[in-house]
Amino acid sequence: MKPQTLLVAVLTYRRPTTLKRGLATMLEHVTELAQDTNRSISPSIVVIDNDPAESAKDTVLAFNSELIRYVAEPMPGISAGRNRALDEAAHHDLLAFIDDDEEPQELWLEPLLDTWRKSRPAAVMGRVVSQFEADLDPWIAAGSFFRRRRMPTGTVIPAAAAGNLLLDMHQVRKAGVRFNNSFGLTGGEDTLFSRLLVQAGGTILWCDESVATDFVPADRTTREWVLRRAWSHGNSAALVDIHSAQRAMQKGTARLRSVLRGVLRMCGGSLRFGFGMIADSPRHQARGLRTAYRGAGMLAGGVGVAYREYAREARLHSWWKRRAVQRTWGSR
């Protein structure tokens, strides 16, 4: 029987240290999988460099492995990189995404593949756990902001992040979905992609045994970063909801819903923050303020403001002033 082909795609942008560390472990996993005759999988890795200066090239080529390829994707934005991965996997059976600041743990690819084999879903999402460069600020620890969800393996989920994600490329091609370039600098592109995959009839399953470690630098464990991230996530969630709507009336409803939900979160978060101040509870203070910031981001998204978290210049722009972003209101 012809082995199934698996492509592991690593998107990178100016993170040579974490890329080198993660890629070394990925290569070990892929090499072991290639030698496992019981699984009948032919795996390889592609590193997609989103830096026009090709800063990751030397790091990748230094591995000198036939199992690793390097490609450059000069179009800015994570959507462009992910679409390049889809193109590179055009003739593959499976595609696995993992980020350049992540490193697989002992169990990673095999559980994803085992979960996929049982029922052949369109996608399988694994866990990501955080490892911190520095001790957490007590405010951050009290808010449990880096604690990620866990579910029983096989649980059906409505959308997925792409930090540890396996895709059935036959189903992806049949669905005709790609990552929307308008979300390449705002984030949320993976949520939108996976939602559209589900709308097209695909199923996404959770795999709790598959784990990748996310290395969190010190500058991402500050109060300012957490609150900015909450605003960004609220903003992108609203924009994804609006874009996912299929008709004009549904889009209008989605905009109104985002505004109302944003206002409710701002009010509820503010009340919780105030209670935390009175009760001297760092947890209620932290969680309340984060909820309020997320609500503000949702409100902004509902009225047409997009926060470009991954922009290399200005972060905020009008949702209506950019042609590329305007297309997200009326097209899929």
C-alpha atoms as a PDB file:
ATOM      1  CA  MET A   1       0.000   0.000   0.000  1.00  0.00           C
ATOM      2  CA  LYS A   2       1.280   3.445  -0.936  1.00  0.00           C
ATOM      3  CA  PRO A   3       2.240   5.410   2.211  1.00  0.00           C
ATOM      4  CA  GLN A   4       0.278   8.544   3.054  1.00  0.00           C
ATOM      5  CA  THR A   5       2.244  11.749   2.742  1.00  0.00           C
ATOM      6  CA  LEU A   6       2.449  14.192   5.645  1.00  0.00           C
ATOM      7  CA  LEU A   7       3.902  17.684   5.422  1.00  0.00           C
ATOM      8  CA  VAL A   8       4.785  19.543   8.631  1.00  0.00           C
ATOM      9  CA  ALA A   9       4.647  23.306   8.022  1.00  0.00           C
ATOM     10  CA  VAL A  10       6.557  25.686  10.272  1.00  0.00           C
ATOM     11  CA  LEU A  11       5.801  29.370   9.741  1.00  0.00           C
ATOM     12  CA  THR A  12       8.574  31.688  10.914  1.00  0.00           C
ATOM     13  CA  TYR A  13       9.346  35.375  11.131  1.00  0.00           C
ATOM     14  CA  ARG A  14      12.627  36.474  12.710  1.00  0.00           C
ATOM     15  CA  ARG A  15      12.800  33.922  15.509  1.00  0.00           C
ATOM     16  CA  PRO A  16      16.012  32.023  14.734  1.00  0.00           C
ATOM     17  CA  THR A  17      16.673  30.805  18.278  1.00  0.00           C
ATOM     18  CA  THR A  18      13.293  29.225  18.964  1.00  0.00           C
ATOM     19  CA  LEU A  19      13.062  28.009  15.362  1.00  0.00           C
ATOM     20  CA  LYS A  20      16.352  26.136  15.681  1.00  0.00           C
ATOM     21  CA  ARG A  21      15.331  24.532  18.975  1.00  0.00           C
ATOM     22  CA  GLY A  22      11.878  23.519  17.782  1.00  0.00           C
ATOM     23  CA  LEU A  23      13.034  22.344  14.371  1.00  0.00           C
ATOM     24  CA  ALA A  24      15.588  19.996  15.909  1.00  0.00           C
ATOM     25  CA  THR A  25      12.863  18.231  17.889  1.00  0.00           C
ATOM     26  CA  MET A  26      10.461  18.216  14.936  1.00  0.00           C
ATOM     27  CA  LEU A  27      13.130  16.534  12.829  1.00  0.00           C
ATOM     28  CA  GLU A  28      13.509  13.813  15.454  1.00  0.00           C
ATOM     29  CA  HIS A  29       9.759  13.156  15.361  1.00  0.00           C
ATOM     30  CA  VAL A  30       9.609  13.138  11.572  1.00  0.00           C
ATOM     31  CA  THR A  31      12.652  10.880  11.255  1.00  0.00           C
ATOM     32  CA  GLU A  32      11.197   8.380  13.707  1.00  0.00           C
ATOM     33  CA  LEU A  33       7.865   8.455  11.902  1.00  0.00           C
ATOM     34  CA  ALA A  34       9.538   7.902   8.542  1.00  0.00           C
ATOM     35  CA  GLN A  35      11.267   4.800   9.919  1.00  0.00           C
ATOM     36  CA  ASP A  36       8.087   3.352  11.449  1.00  0.00           C
ATOM     37  CA  THR A  37       6.934   0.779   8.891  1.00  0.00           C
ATOM     38  CA  ASN A  38       3.748   0.071  10.872  1.00  0.00           C
ATOM     39  CA  ARG A  39       2.322   3.543  10.277  1.00  0.00           C
ATOM     40  CA  SER A  40       2.997   3.758   6.515  1.00  0.00           C
ATOM     41  CA  ILE A  41       3.562   7.536   6.588  1.00  0.00           C
ATOM     42  CA  SER A  42       5.980   9.483   4.409  1.00  0.00           C
ATOM     43  CA  PRO A  43       6.661  12.713   6.354  1.00  0.00           C
ATOM     44  CA  SER A  44       8.677  15.833   5.601  1.00  0.00           C
ATOM     45  CA  ILE A  45       9.032  19.401   6.911  1.00  0.00           C
ATOM     46  CA  VAL A  46       8.775  22.737   5.145  1.00  0.00           C
ATOM     47  CA  VAL A  47       9.857  25.960   6.833  1.00  0.00           C
ATOM     48  CA  ILE A  48       8.066  28.986   5.414  1.00  0.00           C
ATOM     49  CA  ASP A  49       9.988  32.187   6.048  1.00  0.00           C
ATOM     50  CA  ASN A  50       7.790  35.310   6.028  1.00  0.00           C
ATOM     51  CA  ASP A  51      10.794  37.617   6.317  1.00  0.00           C
ATOM     52  CA  PRO A  52      11.691  39.238   2.951  1.00  0.00           C
ATOM     53  CA  ALA A  53      15.312  39.214   4.111  1.00  0.00           C
ATOM     54  CA  GLU A  54      15.127  35.387   4.417  1.00  0.00           C
ATOM     55  CA  SER A  55      16.623  35.522   7.903  1.00  0.00           C
ATOM     56  CA  ALA A  56      15.723  31.890   8.653  1.00  0.00           C
ATOM     57  CA  LYS A  57      17.430  30.417   5.608  1.00  0.00           C
ATOM     58  CA  ASP A  58      20.831  29.716   7.174  1.00  0.00           C
ATOM     59  CA  THR A  59      19.224  28.201  10.270  1.00  0.00           C
ATOM     60  CA  VAL A  60      17.192  25.778   8.173  1.00  0.00           C
ATOM     61  CA  LEU A  61      19.916  24.845   5.708  1.00  0.00           C
ATOM     62  CA  ALA A  62      22.330  24.147   8.572  1.00  0.00           C
ATOM     63  CA  PHE A  63      20.311  21.010   9.390  1.00  0.00           C
ATOM     64  CA  ASN A  64      21.379  19.579   6.024  1.00  0.00           C
ATOM     65  CA  SER A  65      18.497  17.105   6.014  1.00  0.00           C
ATOM     66  CA  GLU A  66      16.588  15.797   3.023  1.00  0.00           C
ATOM     67  CA  LEU A  67      13.494  15.802   5.234  1.00  0.00           C
ATOM     68  CA  ILE A  68      13.526  19.620   5.594  1.00  0.00           C
ATOM     69  CA  ARG A  69      12.862  22.188   2.874  1.00  0.00           C
ATOM     70  CA  TYR A  70      13.104  25.966   3.067  1.00  0.00           C
ATOM     71  CA  VAL A  71      10.803  28.324   1.162  1.00  0.00           C
ATOM     72  CA  ALA A  72      10.406  32.085   1.342  1.00  0.00           C
ATOM     73  CA  GLU A  73       7.017  33.797   1.313  1.00  0.00           C
ATOM     74  CA  PRO A  74       7.621  37.545   0.952  1.00  0.00           C
ATOM     75  CA  MET A  75       3.954  38.607   1.160  1.00  0.00           C
ATOM     76  CA  PRO A  76       3.533  39.973   4.704  1.00  0.00           C
ATOM     77  CA  GLY A  77       1.101  38.328   7.063  1.00  0.00           C
ATOM     78  CA  ILE A  78       0.454  34.969   8.648  1.00  0.00           C
ATOM     79  CA  SER A  79      -2.360  34.190   6.198  1.00  0.00           C
ATOM     80  CA  ALA A  80       0.079  34.396   3.292  1.00  0.00           C
ATOM     81  CA  GLY A  81       2.395  31.982   5.096  1.00  0.00           C
ATOM     82  CA  ARG A  82      -0.395  29.547   5.867  1.00  0.00           C
ATOM     83  CA  ASN A  83      -1.687  29.677   2.300  1.00  0.00           C
ATOM     84  CA  ARG A  84       1.830  28.973   1.098  1.00  0.00           C
ATOM     85  CA  ALA A  85       1.757  25.886   3.317  1.00  0.00           C
ATOM     86  CA  LEU A  86      -1.507  24.799   1.672  1.00  0.00           C
ATOM     87  CA  ASP A  87       0.150  25.238  -1.714  1.00  0.00           C
ATOM     88  CA  GLU A  88       3.229  23.290  -0.659  1.00  0.00           C
ATOM     89  CA  ALA A  89       0.912  20.498   0.525  1.00  0.00           C
ATOM     90  CA  ALA A  90      -1.109  20.480  -2.706  1.00  0.00           C
ATOM     91  CA  HIS A  91      -0.116  16.887  -3.441  1.00  0.00           C
ATOM     92  CA  HIS A  92       0.048  15.657   0.141  1.00  0.00           C
ATOM     93  CA  ASP A  93      -2.539  13.723   2.114  1.00  0.00           C
ATOM     94  CA  LEU A  94      -1.986  15.519   5.421  1.00  0.00           C
ATOM     95  CA  LEU A  95      -0.657  18.875   6.610  1.00  0.00           C
ATOM     96  CA  ALA A  96       0.406  19.642  10.179  1.00  0.00           C
ATOM     97  CA  PHE A  97       0.875  23.225  11.377  1.00  0.00           C
ATOM     98  CA  ILE A  98       3.195  24.172  14.226  1.00  0.00           C
ATOM     99  CA  ASP A  99       4.626  27.595  15.092  1.00  0.00           C
ATOM    100  CA  ASP A 100       8.254  28.705  15.167  1.00  0.00           C
ATOM    101  CA  ASP A 101       8.105  29.480  18.903  1.00  0.00           C
ATOM    102  CA  GLU A 102       6.881  25.986  19.752  1.00  0.00           C
ATOM    103  CA  GLU A 103       8.615  22.686  20.384  1.00  0.00           C
ATOM    104  CA  PRO A 104       6.879  19.291  20.257  1.00  0.00           C
ATOM    105  CA  GLN A 105       6.768  17.274  23.430  1.00  0.00           C
ATOM    106  CA  GLU A 106       7.344  13.517  23.542  1.00  0.00           C
ATOM    107  CA  LEU A 107       3.853  12.884  22.180  1.00  0.00           C
ATOM    108  CA  TRP A 108       2.949  15.094  19.250  1.00  0.00           C
ATOM    109  CA  LEU A 109       2.428  13.791  15.709  1.00  0.00           C
ATOM    110  CA  GLU A 110       1.491  10.207  16.531  1.00  0.00           C
ATOM    111  CA  PRO A 111      -1.583  11.061  18.651  1.00  0.00           C
ATOM    112  CA  LEU A 112      -2.791  13.495  15.994  1.00  0.00           C
ATOM    113  CA  LEU A 113      -2.492  10.787  13.351  1.00  0.00           C
ATOM    114  CA  ASP A 114      -4.132   8.149  15.546  1.00  0.00           C
ATOM    115  CA  THR A 115      -7.093  10.448  16.266  1.00  0.00           C
ATOM    116  CA  TRP A 116      -7.440  11.242  12.556  1.00  0.00           C
ATOM    117  CA  ARG A 117      -7.328   7.589  11.521  1.00  0.00           C
ATOM    118  CA  LYS A 118     -10.222   6.583  13.794  1.00  0.00           C
ATOM    119  CA  SER A 119     -12.893   8.685  12.031  1.00  0.00           C
ATOM    120  CA  ARG A 120     -11.093  10.702   9.325  1.00  0.00           C
ATOM    121  CA  PRO A 121     -12.169  14.214  10.418  1.00  0.00           C
ATOM    122  CA  ALA A 122     -11.194  17.254   8.376  1.00  0.00           C
ATOM    123  CA  ALA A 123      -8.874  18.431  11.162  1.00  0.00           C
ATOM    124  CA  VAL A 124      -7.441  17.428  14.528  1.00  0.00           C
ATOM    125  CA  MET A 125      -6.265  20.016  17.044  1.00  0.00           C
ATOM    126  CA  GLY A 126      -3.729  19.207  19.743  1.00  0.00           C
ATOM    127  CA  ARG A 127      -2.809  21.005  22.940  1.00  0.00           C
ATOM    128  CA  VAL A 128      -0.322  23.839  23.404  1.00  0.00           C
ATOM    129  CA  VAL A 129       1.199  24.460  26.848  1.00  0.00           C
ATOM    130  CA  SER A 130       3.212  27.492  27.907  1.00  0.00           C
ATOM    131  CA  GLN A 131       6.761  27.620  29.208  1.00  0.00           C
ATOM    132  CA  PHE A 132       7.908  30.985  30.534  1.00  0.00           C
ATOM    133  CA  GLU A 133      11.233  32.708  30.086  1.00  0.00           C
ATOM    134  CA  ALA A 134      10.828  34.607  33.356  1.00  0.00           C
ATOM    135  CA  ASP A 135       8.804  34.360  36.552  1.00  0.00           C
ATOM    136  CA  LEU A 136       5.228  35.541  36.116  1.00  0.00           C
ATOM    137  CA  ASP A 137       4.018  38.809  37.562  1.00  0.00           C
ATOM    138  CA  PRO A 138       1.685  37.864  40.481  1.00  0.00           C
ATOM    139  CA  TRP A 139      -1.093  39.782  38.689  1.00  0.00           C
ATOM    140  CA  ILE A 140      -0.636  37.567  35.601  1.00  0.00           C
ATOM    141  CA  ALA A 141      -0.504  34.403  37.705  1.00  0.00           C
ATOM    142  CA  ALA A 142      -3.639  35.403  39.620  1.00  0.00           C
ATOM    143  CA  GLY A 143      -5.529  35.808  36.356  1.00  0.00           C
ATOM    144  CA  SER A 144      -4.474  32.368  35.048  1.00  0.00           C
ATOM    145  CA  PHE A 145      -4.195  33.971  31.622  1.00  0.00           C
ATOM    146  CA  PHE A 146      -1.915  31.332  30.141  1.00  0.00           C
ATOM    147  CA  ARG A 147      -3.951  28.343  31.287  1.00  0.00           C
ATOM    148  CA  ARG A 148      -5.299  26.636  28.163  1.00  0.00           C
ATOM    149  CA  ARG A 149      -8.310  24.432  27.733  1.00  0.00           C
ATOM    150  CA  ARG A 150      -8.315  20.637  27.845  1.00  0.00           C
ATOM    151  CA  MET A 151     -10.992  18.243  26.612  1.00  0.00           C
ATOM    152  CA  PRO A 152     -11.346  14.500  26.123  1.00  0.00           C
ATOM    153  CA  THR A 153      -9.785  13.247  22.915  1.00  0.00           C
ATOM    154  CA  GLY A 154     -12.393  12.953  20.186  1.00  0.00           C
ATOM    155  CA  THR A 155     -14.443  15.948  21.349  1.00  0.00           C
ATOM    156  CA  VAL A 156     -15.924  17.824  18.390  1.00  0.00           C
ATOM    157  CA  ILE A 157     -14.946  21.510  18.408  1.00  0.00           C
ATOM    158  CA  PRO A 158     -16.439  24.328  16.273  1.00  0.00           C
ATOM    159  CA  ALA A 159     -13.155  26.042  15.411  1.00  0.00           C
ATOM    160  CA  ALA A 160      -9.432  25.575  15.895  1.00  0.00           C
ATOM    161  CA  ALA A 161      -6.192  27.446  16.336  1.00  0.00           C
ATOM    162  CA  ALA A 162      -3.306  26.468  14.074  1.00  0.00           C
ATOM    163  CA  GLY A 163      -0.499  26.210  16.628  1.00  0.00           C
ATOM    164  CA  ASN A 164      -0.824  22.428  16.734  1.00  0.00           C
ATOM    165  CA  LEU A 165      -3.205  21.359  13.981  1.00  0.00           C
ATOM    166  CA  LEU A 166      -3.467  18.449  11.559  1.00  0.00           C
ATOM    167  CA  LEU A 167      -5.446  18.911   8.329  1.00  0.00           C
ATOM    168  CA  ASP A 168      -6.840  16.293   5.970  1.00  0.00           C
ATOM    169  CA  MET A 169      -5.811  17.937   2.704  1.00  0.00           C
ATOM    170  CA  HIS A 170      -8.286  15.973   0.605  1.00  0.00           C
ATOM    171  CA  GLN A 171     -11.150  17.477   2.615  1.00  0.00           C
ATOM    172  CA  VAL A 172      -9.577  20.932   2.655  1.00  0.00           C
ATOM    173  CA  ARG A 173      -9.239  20.906  -1.123  1.00  0.00           C
ATOM    174  CA  LYS A 174     -12.792  19.642  -1.538  1.00  0.00           C
ATOM    175  CA  ALA A 175     -14.106  22.406   0.742  1.00  0.00           C
ATOM    176  CA  GLY A 176     -12.136  25.012  -1.214  1.00  0.00           C
ATOM    177  CA  VAL A 177     -11.206  26.994   1.894  1.00  0.00           C
ATOM    178  CA  ARG A 178      -8.090  29.075   2.328  1.00  0.00           C
ATOM    179  CA  PHE A 179      -6.778  31.566   4.868  1.00  0.00           C
ATOM    180  CA  ASN A 180      -8.152  35.046   4.279  1.00  0.00           C
ATOM    181  CA  ASN A 181      -5.339  37.511   3.623  1.00  0.00           C
ATOM    182  CA  SER A 182      -7.375  40.317   5.172  1.00  0.00           C
ATOM    183  CA  PHE A 183      -6.757  38.634   8.544  1.00  0.00           C
ATOM    184  CA  GLY A 184      -3.044  38.170   7.970  1.00  0.00           C
ATOM    185  CA  LEU A 185      -2.062  41.079  10.213  1.00  0.00           C
ATOM    186  CA  THR A 186      -4.987  41.106  12.626  1.00  0.00           C
ATOM    187  CA  GLY A 187      -4.949  37.439  13.650  1.00  0.00           C
ATOM    188  CA  GLY A 188      -7.999  35.218  13.749  1.00  0.00           C
ATOM    189  CA  GLU A 189      -7.191  33.771  10.328  1.00  0.00           C
ATOM    190  CA  ASP A 190      -7.067  30.234  11.716  1.00  0.00           C
ATOM    191  CA  THR A 191     -10.402  30.611  13.523  1.00  0.00           C
ATOM    192  CA  LEU A 192     -12.045  31.864  10.332  1.00  0.00           C
ATOM    193  CA  PHE A 193     -10.451  29.123   8.216  1.00  0.00           C
ATOM    194  CA  SER A 194     -11.580  26.369  10.562  1.00  0.00           C
ATOM    195  CA  ARG A 195     -15.093  27.789  10.848  1.00  0.00           C
ATOM    196  CA  LEU A 196     -15.417  27.852   7.070  1.00  0.00           C
ATOM    197  CA  LEU A 197     -14.112  24.285   6.963  1.00  0.00           C
ATOM    198  CA  VAL A 198     -16.889  23.256   9.369  1.00  0.00           C
ATOM    199  CA  GLN A 199     -19.477  25.231   7.376  1.00  0.00           C
ATOM    200  CA  ALA A 200     -18.405  23.245   4.320  1.00  0.00           C
ATOM    201  CA  GLY A 201     -19.228  20.006   6.147  1.00  0.00           C
ATOM    202  CA  GLY A 202     -15.924  19.195   7.842  1.00  0.00           C
ATOM    203  CA  THR A 203     -15.447  18.023  11.420  1.00  0.00           C
ATOM    204  CA  ILE A 204     -12.710  19.125  13.827  1.00  0.00           C
ATOM    205  CA  LEU A 205     -11.709  16.845  16.693  1.00  0.00           C
ATOM    206  CA  TRP A 206      -9.674  17.537  19.823  1.00  0.00           C
ATOM    207  CA  CYS A 207      -6.620  15.419  20.676  1.00  0.00           C
ATOM    208  CA  ASP A 208      -5.558  15.852  24.279  1.00  0.00           C
ATOM    209  CA  GLU A 209      -2.497  13.586  24.029  1.00  0.00           C
ATOM    210  CA  SER A 210      -0.756  15.678  21.364  1.00  0.00           C
ATOM    211  CA  VAL A 211       1.240  18.451  23.039  1.00  0.00           C
ATOM    212  CA  ALA A 212       3.517  21.258  21.876  1.00  0.00           C
ATOM    213  CA  THR A 213       5.318  23.690  24.175  1.00  0.00           C
ATOM    214  CA  ASP A 214       4.955  27.409  23.502  1.00  0.00           C
ATOM    215  CA  PHE A 215       7.973  29.402  24.691  1.00  0.00           C
ATOM    216  CA  VAL A 216       6.710  32.683  26.135  1.00  0.00           C
ATOM    217  CA  PRO A 217       9.304  35.499  26.271  1.00  0.00           C
ATOM    218  CA  ALA A 218       9.396  37.930  29.170  1.00  0.00           C
ATOM    219  CA  ASP A 219       7.880  40.775  27.144  1.00  0.00           C
ATOM    220  CA  ARG A 220       4.701  38.715  26.714  1.00  0.00           C
ATOM    221  CA  THR A 221       4.132  38.271  30.422  1.00  0.00           C
ATOM    222  CA  THR A 222       3.445  41.905  31.263  1.00  0.00           C
ATOM    223  CA  ARG A 223       0.083  43.411  32.176  1.00  0.00           C
ATOM    224  CA  GLU A 224       0.272  45.683  29.143  1.00  0.00           C
ATOM    225  CA  TRP A 225       0.760  42.749  26.754  1.00  0.00           C
ATOM    226  CA  VAL A 226      -2.027  40.668  28.320  1.00  0.00           C
ATOM    227  CA  LEU A 227      -4.519  43.540  28.092  1.00  0.00           C
ATOM    228  CA  ARG A 228      -3.489  44.431  24.554  1.00  0.00           C
ATOM    229  CA  ARG A 229      -3.849  40.771  23.618  1.00  0.00           C
ATOM    230  CA  ALA A 230      -7.322  40.663  25.175  1.00  0.00           C
ATOM    231  CA  TRP A 231      -8.333  43.707  23.115  1.00  0.00           C
ATOM    232  CA  SER A 232      -6.883  42.085  20.003  1.00  0.00           C
ATOM    233  CA  HIS A 233      -8.634  38.752  20.584  1.00  0.00           C
ATOM    234  CA  GLY A 234     -11.954  40.475  21.193  1.00  0.00           C
ATOM    235  CA  ASN A 235     -11.462  42.546  18.063  1.00  0.00           C
ATOM    236  CA  SER A 236     -10.551  39.600  15.828  1.00  0.00           C
ATOM    237  CA  ALA A 237     -13.388  37.497  17.281  1.00  0.00           C
ATOM    238  CA  ALA A 238     -15.872  40.174  16.212  1.00  0.00           C
ATOM    239  CA  LEU A 239     -14.359  40.462  12.749  1.00  0.00           C
ATOM    240  CA  VAL A 240     -14.405  36.691  12.285  1.00  0.00           C
ATOM    241  CA  ASP A 241     -18.064  36.527  13.334  1.00  0.00           C
ATOM    242  CA  ILE A 242     -18.947  39.230  10.833  1.00  0.00           C
ATOM    243  CA  HIS A 243     -17.009  37.638   8.010  1.00  0.00           C
ATOM    244  CA  SER A 244     -18.409  34.179   8.749  1.00  0.00           C
ATOM    245  CA  ALA A 245     -21.947  35.446   8.181  1.00  0.00           C
ATOM    246  CA  GLN A 246     -23.145  34.404   4.740  1.00  0.00           C
ATOM    247  CA  ARG A 247     -25.690  37.131   3.905  1.00  0.00           C
ATOM    248  CA  ALA A 248     -25.886  40.892   4.294  1.00  0.00           C
ATOM    249  CA  MET A 249     -28.598  40.734   6.954  1.00  0.00           C
ATOM    250  CA  GLN A 250     -26.613  38.127   8.882  1.00  0.00           C
ATOM    251  CA  LYS A 251     -23.532  40.349   8.710  1.00  0.00           C
ATOM    252  CA  GLY A 252     -25.535  43.255  10.093  1.00  0.00           C
ATOM    253  CA  THR A 253     -26.801  41.053  12.890  1.00  0.00           C
ATOM    254  CA  ALA A 254     -23.254  39.901  13.606  1.00  0.00           C
ATOM    255  CA  ARG A 255     -22.059  43.504  13.837  1.00  0.00           C
ATOM    256  CA  LEU A 256     -24.839  44.412  16.237  1.00  0.00           C
ATOM    257  CA  ARG A 257     -24.220  41.262  18.287  1.00  0.00           C
ATOM    258  CA  SER A 258     -20.519  42.102  18.548  1.00  0.00           C
ATOM    259  CA  VAL A 259     -21.325  45.616  19.771  1.00  0.00           C
ATOM    260  CA  LEU A 260     -23.803  44.388  22.374  1.00  0.00           C
ATOM    261  CA  ARG A 261     -21.535  41.593  23.577  1.00  0.00           C
ATOM    262  CA  GLY A 262     -18.670  44.031  23.755  1.00  0.00           C
ATOM    263  CA  VAL A 263     -20.656  46.474  25.882  1.00  0.00           C
ATOM    264  CA  LEU A 264     -21.808  43.669  28.204  1.00  0.00           C
ATOM    265  CA  ARG A 265     -18.241  42.467  28.678  1.00  0.00           C
ATOM    266  CA  MET A 266     -16.997  45.974  29.321  1.00  0.00           C
ATOM    267  CA  CYS A 267     -19.682  46.515  31.968  1.00  0.00           C
ATOM    268  CA  GLY A 268     -19.321  43.070  33.544  1.00  0.00           C
ATOM    269  CA  GLY A 269     -15.534  43.229  33.518  1.00  0.00           C
ATOM    270  CA  SER A 270     -15.539  46.700  35.072  1.00  0.00           C
ATOM    271  CA  LEU A 271     -17.882  45.556  37.838  1.00  0.00           C
ATOM    272  CA  ARG A 272     -15.705  42.538  38.546  1.00  0.00           C
ATOM    273  CA  PHE A 273     -12.601  44.736  38.608  1.00  0.00           C
ATOM    274  CA  GLY A 274     -14.317  47.092  41.035  1.00  0.00           C
ATOM    275  CA  PHE A 275     -15.325  44.194  43.260  1.00  0.00           C
ATOM    276  CA  GLY A 276     -11.737  42.964  43.165  1.00  0.00           C
ATOM    277  CA  MET A 277     -10.505  46.361  44.335  1.00  0.00           C
ATOM    278  CA  ILE A 278     -12.973  46.396  47.219  1.00  0.00           C
ATOM    279  CA  ALA A 279     -12.294  42.780  48.178  1.00  0.00           C
ATOM    280  CA  ASP A 280      -8.545  43.150  47.590  1.00  0.00           C
ATOM    281  CA  SER A 281      -8.688  40.172  45.203  1.00  0.00           C
ATOM    282  CA  PRO A 282      -5.949  40.199  42.529  1.00  0.00           C
ATOM    283  CA  ARG A 283      -7.772  37.458  40.619  1.00  0.00           C
ATOM    284  CA  HIS A 284     -11.016  39.423  40.298  1.00  0.00           C
ATOM    285  CA  GLN A 285      -9.078  42.570  39.439  1.00  0.00           C
ATOM    286  CA  ALA A 286      -7.075  40.843  36.730  1.00  0.00           C
ATOM    287  CA  ARG A 287      -9.902  38.794  35.238  1.00  0.00           C
ATOM    288  CA  GLY A 288     -12.291  41.735  35.333  1.00  0.00           C
ATOM    289  CA  LEU A 289      -9.922  44.133  33.605  1.00  0.00           C
ATOM    290  CA  ARG A 290      -9.069  41.572  30.942  1.00  0.00           C
ATOM    291  CA  THR A 291     -12.762  40.932  30.268  1.00  0.00           C
ATOM    292  CA  ALA A 292     -13.383  44.672  29.920  1.00  0.00           C
ATOM    293  CA  TYR A 293     -10.512  45.015  27.443  1.00  0.00           C
ATOM    294  CA  ARG A 294     -11.782  42.071  25.408  1.00  0.00           C
ATOM    295  CA  GLY A 295     -15.214  43.664  25.330  1.00  0.00           C
ATOM    296  CA  ALA A 296     -13.735  46.944  24.115  1.00  0.00           C
ATOM    297  CA  GLY A 297     -12.041  45.063  21.289  1.00  0.00           C
ATOM    298  CA  MET A 298     -15.319  43.390  20.334  1.00  0.00           C
ATOM    299  CA  LEU A 299     -17.125  46.725  20.373  1.00  0.00           C
ATOM    300  CA  ALA A 300     -14.456  48.241  18.122  1.00  0.00           C
ATOM    301  CA  GLY A 301     -14.662  45.309  15.718  1.00  0.00           C
ATOM    302  CA  GLY A 302     -18.421  45.627  15.575  1.00  0.00           C
ATOM    303  CA  VAL A 303     -18.201  49.246  14.431  1.00  0.00           C
ATOM    304  CA  GLY A 304     -15.500  48.541  11.853  1.00  0.00           C
ATOM    305  CA  VAL A 305     -12.115  48.994  13.541  1.00  0.00           C
ATOM    306  CA  ALA A 306      -9.460  46.323  13.025  1.00  0.00           C
ATOM    307  CA  TYR A 307      -6.443  45.934  15.292  1.00  0.00           C
ATOM    308  CA  ARG A 308      -3.457  44.772  13.283  1.00  0.00           C
ATOM    309  CA  GLU A 309      -1.601  42.903  16.016  1.00  0.00           C
ATOM    310  CA  TYR A 310       1.002  41.517  13.627  1.00  0.00           C
ATOM    311  CA  ALA A 311       1.462  44.670  11.559  1.00  0.00           C
ATOM    312  CA  ARG A 312       4.988  45.805  10.869  1.00  0.00           C
ATOM    313  CA  GLU A 313       3.892  49.447  10.808  1.00  0.00           C
ATOM    314  CA  ALA A 314       0.716  51.022  12.185  1.00  0.00           C
ATOM    315  CA  ARG A 315      -1.554  48.642  14.062  1.00  0.00           C
ATOM    316  CA  LEU A 316      -4.945  50.328  13.843  1.00  0.00           C
ATOM    317  CA  HIS A 317      -6.777  51.159  10.647  1.00  0.00           C
ATOM    318  CA  SER A 318     -10.323  51.766   9.493  1.00  0.00           C
ATOM    319  CA  TRP A 319     -12.044  48.584   8.397  1.00  0.00           C
ATOM    320  CA  TRP A 320     -13.526  50.466   5.444  1.00  0.00           C
ATOM    321  CA  LYS A 321     -10.441  52.271   4.153  1.00  0.00           C
ATOM    322  CA  ARG A 322      -8.475  49.256   2.908  1.00  0.00           C
ATOM    323  CA  ARG A 323      -9.683  47.409  -0.183  1.00  0.00           C
ATOM    324  CA  ALA A 324      -8.290  44.104   1.002  1.00  0.00           C
ATOM    325  CA  VAL A 325     -10.136  44.405   4.288  1.00  0.00           C
ATOM    326  CA  GLN A 326     -13.294  45.718   2.659  1.00  0.00           C
ATOM    327  CA  ARG A 327     -13.588  42.458   0.744  1.00  0.00           C
ATOM    328  CA  THR A 328     -13.996  40.553   4.000  1.00  0.00           C
ATOM    329  CA  TRP A 329     -17.416  42.117   4.512  1.00  0.00           C
ATOM    330  CA  GLY A 330     -18.905  40.839   1.307  1.00  0.00           C
ATOM    331  CA  SER A 331     -16.851  37.865   0.122  1.00  0.00           C
ATOM    332  CA  ARG A 332     -15.556  34.565   1.351  1.00  0.00           C
END
